[in-house]
């Protein structure tokens, strides 16, 4: 496997899930900001310190039975 040049680790992520989540899920999902979008999805945006934390967040999304639409690294 050929590795690409070292990139700085992203400090933020935006996950989109199908459906609208209630605000109380923010704390359980690592205090991410929840934004209910007009297209019927919810954006989860915020700081994720490393890949292990990102995978933990994805497990929580799975455990809630949510449909994951997208995951995107974003600038802080």
N, C-alpha and C. Protein backbone atom coordinates (compact mmCIF):
# COMPACT_ATOMS: atom_id res chain seq x y z
N UNK A 1 0.84 -1.17 0.00
CA UNK A 1 0.00 0.00 0.00
C UNK A 1 0.89 1.24 0.00
N UNK A 2 0.57 2.18 -0.85
CA UNK A 2 1.30 3.44 -0.91
C UNK A 2 0.58 4.49 -0.09
N UNK A 3 1.29 5.11 0.80
CA UNK A 3 0.68 6.14 1.64
C UNK A 3 0.87 7.51 1.01
N UNK A 4 -0.13 8.34 1.18
CA UNK A 4 -0.04 9.71 0.68
C UNK A 4 0.79 10.53 1.66
N UNK A 5 1.27 11.69 1.22
CA UNK A 5 2.04 12.54 2.12
C UNK A 5 1.26 12.83 3.39
N UNK A 6 1.97 13.00 4.48
CA UNK A 6 1.34 13.24 5.77
C UNK A 6 0.48 14.51 5.73
N UNK A 7 -0.77 14.35 6.09
CA UNK A 7 -1.69 15.49 6.17
C UNK A 7 -1.97 15.78 7.63
N UNK A 8 -2.24 17.04 7.95
CA UNK A 8 -2.61 17.33 9.33
C UNK A 8 -3.93 16.65 9.67
N UNK A 9 -4.04 16.16 10.88
CA UNK A 9 -5.26 15.49 11.31
C UNK A 9 -6.39 16.52 11.40
N UNK A 10 -7.55 16.19 10.84
CA UNK A 10 -8.66 17.12 10.95
C UNK A 10 -9.11 17.25 12.40
N UNK A 11 -9.58 18.42 12.75
CA UNK A 11 -10.05 18.62 14.11
C UNK A 11 -11.56 18.67 14.19
N UNK A 12 -12.20 18.70 13.05
CA UNK A 12 -13.65 18.75 13.06
C UNK A 12 -14.25 17.82 12.02
N UNK A 13 -15.46 17.40 12.30
CA UNK A 13 -16.18 16.53 11.36
C UNK A 13 -17.62 16.98 11.29
N UNK A 14 -18.22 16.70 10.15
CA UNK A 14 -19.66 16.86 9.99
C UNK A 14 -20.21 15.52 9.52
N UNK A 15 -21.09 14.95 10.31
CA UNK A 15 -21.79 13.73 9.93
C UNK A 15 -23.22 14.11 9.61
N UNK A 16 -23.78 13.50 8.59
CA UNK A 16 -25.19 13.70 8.28
C UNK A 16 -25.89 12.36 8.42
N UNK A 17 -27.02 12.40 9.11
CA UNK A 17 -27.82 11.19 9.30
C UNK A 17 -29.24 11.47 8.81
N UNK A 18 -29.91 10.41 8.40
CA UNK A 18 -31.28 10.53 7.94
C UNK A 18 -32.20 10.76 9.14
N UNK A 19 -33.14 11.67 8.99
CA UNK A 19 -34.09 11.96 10.05
C UNK A 19 -33.66 13.15 10.90
N UNK A 20 -34.58 13.61 11.71
CA UNK A 20 -34.31 14.73 12.61
C UNK A 20 -34.14 14.22 14.03
N UNK A 21 -32.97 14.52 14.61
CA UNK A 21 -32.70 14.15 16.00
C UNK A 21 -33.10 15.27 16.94
N UNK A 22 -33.53 14.91 18.13
CA UNK A 22 -33.84 15.89 19.17
C UNK A 22 -32.53 16.41 19.77
N UNK A 23 -32.56 17.63 20.30
CA UNK A 23 -31.36 18.27 20.84
C UNK A 23 -30.71 17.48 21.98
N UNK A 24 -31.50 16.74 22.75
CA UNK A 24 -30.92 16.03 23.91
C UNK A 24 -29.88 14.97 23.50
N UNK A 25 -29.84 14.57 22.25
CA UNK A 25 -28.84 13.59 21.80
C UNK A 25 -27.45 14.20 21.67
N UNK A 26 -27.36 15.52 21.66
CA UNK A 26 -26.07 16.20 21.50
C UNK A 26 -25.06 15.75 22.55
N UNK A 27 -25.45 15.72 23.81
CA UNK A 27 -24.54 15.33 24.90
C UNK A 27 -24.06 13.89 24.73
N UNK A 28 -24.95 13.00 24.36
CA UNK A 28 -24.58 11.59 24.20
C UNK A 28 -23.66 11.39 23.01
N UNK A 29 -23.74 12.29 22.04
CA UNK A 29 -22.92 12.19 20.84
C UNK A 29 -21.69 13.08 20.92
N UNK A 30 -21.21 13.35 22.12
CA UNK A 30 -19.96 14.08 22.30
C UNK A 30 -20.11 15.58 22.19
N UNK A 31 -21.28 16.10 22.55
CA UNK A 31 -21.55 17.54 22.51
C UNK A 31 -21.40 18.14 21.12
N UNK A 32 -21.73 17.36 20.11
CA UNK A 32 -21.74 17.89 18.75
C UNK A 32 -22.95 18.81 18.57
N UNK A 33 -22.82 19.75 17.67
CA UNK A 33 -23.93 20.64 17.34
C UNK A 33 -24.86 19.92 16.37
N UNK A 34 -26.14 19.86 16.72
CA UNK A 34 -27.13 19.21 15.87
C UNK A 34 -27.88 20.28 15.08
N UNK A 35 -27.95 20.10 13.79
CA UNK A 35 -28.70 21.02 12.93
C UNK A 35 -29.66 20.21 12.09
N UNK A 36 -30.94 20.47 12.28
CA UNK A 36 -31.96 19.77 11.49
C UNK A 36 -32.09 20.49 10.14
N UNK A 37 -31.80 19.76 9.08
CA UNK A 37 -31.79 20.33 7.73
C UNK A 37 -33.17 20.20 7.08
N UNK A 38 -33.44 21.04 6.11
CA UNK A 38 -34.73 21.03 5.40
C UNK A 38 -34.96 19.75 4.61
N UNK A 39 -33.87 19.06 4.25
CA UNK A 39 -34.01 17.85 3.44
C UNK A 39 -34.35 16.61 4.28
N UNK A 40 -34.61 16.81 5.58
CA UNK A 40 -34.99 15.69 6.44
C UNK A 40 -33.82 15.01 7.11
N UNK A 41 -32.62 15.56 6.98
CA UNK A 41 -31.44 15.00 7.64
C UNK A 41 -31.06 15.87 8.84
N UNK A 42 -30.17 15.33 9.67
CA UNK A 42 -29.58 16.09 10.76
C UNK A 42 -28.08 16.10 10.56
N UNK A 43 -27.47 17.29 10.65
CA UNK A 43 -26.01 17.43 10.61
C UNK A 43 -25.48 17.44 12.03
N UNK A 44 -24.47 16.64 12.28
CA UNK A 44 -23.77 16.59 13.57
C UNK A 44 -22.39 17.16 13.33
N UNK A 45 -22.09 18.31 13.92
CA UNK A 45 -20.85 19.01 13.62
C UNK A 45 -20.11 19.34 14.90
N UNK A 46 -18.78 19.12 14.87
CA UNK A 46 -17.98 19.52 16.01
C UNK A 46 -16.61 18.89 16.03
N UNK A 47 -15.92 19.13 17.13
CA UNK A 47 -14.56 18.66 17.35
C UNK A 47 -14.54 17.17 17.64
N UNK A 48 -13.67 16.46 16.95
CA UNK A 48 -13.43 15.03 17.20
C UNK A 48 -11.91 14.89 17.28
N UNK A 49 -11.37 14.55 18.45
CA UNK A 49 -9.93 14.63 18.66
C UNK A 49 -9.06 13.70 17.83
N UNK A 50 -9.57 12.52 17.47
CA UNK A 50 -8.74 11.58 16.72
C UNK A 50 -9.62 10.53 16.04
N UNK A 51 -8.98 9.65 15.30
CA UNK A 51 -9.71 8.62 14.56
C UNK A 51 -10.44 7.64 15.49
N UNK A 52 -9.86 7.35 16.64
CA UNK A 52 -10.52 6.45 17.59
C UNK A 52 -11.84 7.06 18.06
N UNK A 53 -11.83 8.37 18.34
CA UNK A 53 -13.06 9.04 18.77
C UNK A 53 -14.08 9.07 17.63
N UNK A 54 -13.62 9.25 16.41
CA UNK A 54 -14.52 9.24 15.26
C UNK A 54 -15.18 7.87 15.13
N UNK A 55 -14.41 6.82 15.27
CA UNK A 55 -14.99 5.47 15.18
C UNK A 55 -15.98 5.22 16.31
N UNK A 56 -15.68 5.74 17.50
CA UNK A 56 -16.63 5.62 18.62
C UNK A 56 -17.93 6.35 18.32
N UNK A 57 -17.83 7.50 17.70
CA UNK A 57 -19.01 8.26 17.31
C UNK A 57 -19.83 7.49 16.27
N UNK A 58 -19.16 6.88 15.32
CA UNK A 58 -19.85 6.08 14.31
C UNK A 58 -20.56 4.88 14.93
N UNK A 59 -19.97 4.30 15.96
CA UNK A 59 -20.62 3.18 16.67
C UNK A 59 -21.90 3.67 17.34
N UNK A 60 -21.87 4.87 17.93
CA UNK A 60 -23.07 5.43 18.56
C UNK A 60 -24.17 5.66 17.52
N UNK A 61 -23.79 6.18 16.36
CA UNK A 61 -24.75 6.38 15.28
C UNK A 61 -25.37 5.04 14.90
N UNK A 62 -24.54 4.02 14.78
CA UNK A 62 -25.04 2.68 14.46
C UNK A 62 -25.97 2.16 15.55
N UNK A 63 -25.57 2.33 16.82
CA UNK A 63 -26.37 1.83 17.93
C UNK A 63 -27.74 2.49 18.02
N UNK A 64 -27.84 3.73 17.55
CA UNK A 64 -29.13 4.41 17.52
C UNK A 64 -29.99 3.95 16.34
N UNK A 65 -29.39 3.16 15.45
CA UNK A 65 -30.12 2.67 14.28
C UNK A 65 -30.32 3.74 13.22
N UNK A 66 -29.44 4.76 13.24
CA UNK A 66 -29.56 5.84 12.26
C UNK A 66 -28.92 5.45 10.94
N UNK A 67 -29.43 6.02 9.87
CA UNK A 67 -28.85 5.82 8.55
C UNK A 67 -27.82 6.94 8.35
N UNK A 68 -26.57 6.56 8.18
CA UNK A 68 -25.48 7.50 7.96
C UNK A 68 -25.49 7.92 6.49
N UNK A 69 -25.62 9.23 6.25
CA UNK A 69 -25.66 9.75 4.89
C UNK A 69 -24.27 10.13 4.42
N UNK A 70 -23.50 10.82 5.30
CA UNK A 70 -22.17 11.24 4.91
C UNK A 70 -21.30 11.56 6.13
N UNK A 71 -19.98 11.53 5.91
CA UNK A 71 -19.00 11.94 6.91
C UNK A 71 -18.00 12.82 6.17
N UNK A 72 -17.74 14.01 6.72
CA UNK A 72 -16.84 14.94 6.06
C UNK A 72 -15.93 15.60 7.08
N UNK A 73 -14.63 15.61 6.80
CA UNK A 73 -13.68 16.36 7.63
C UNK A 73 -13.85 17.84 7.29
N UNK A 74 -13.87 18.68 8.33
CA UNK A 74 -14.03 20.11 8.13
C UNK A 74 -12.98 20.86 8.93
N UNK A 75 -12.71 22.10 8.52
CA UNK A 75 -11.83 22.96 9.27
C UNK A 75 -12.56 23.45 10.51
N UNK A 76 -11.81 23.70 11.59
CA UNK A 76 -12.47 24.17 12.81
C UNK A 76 -13.13 25.53 12.62
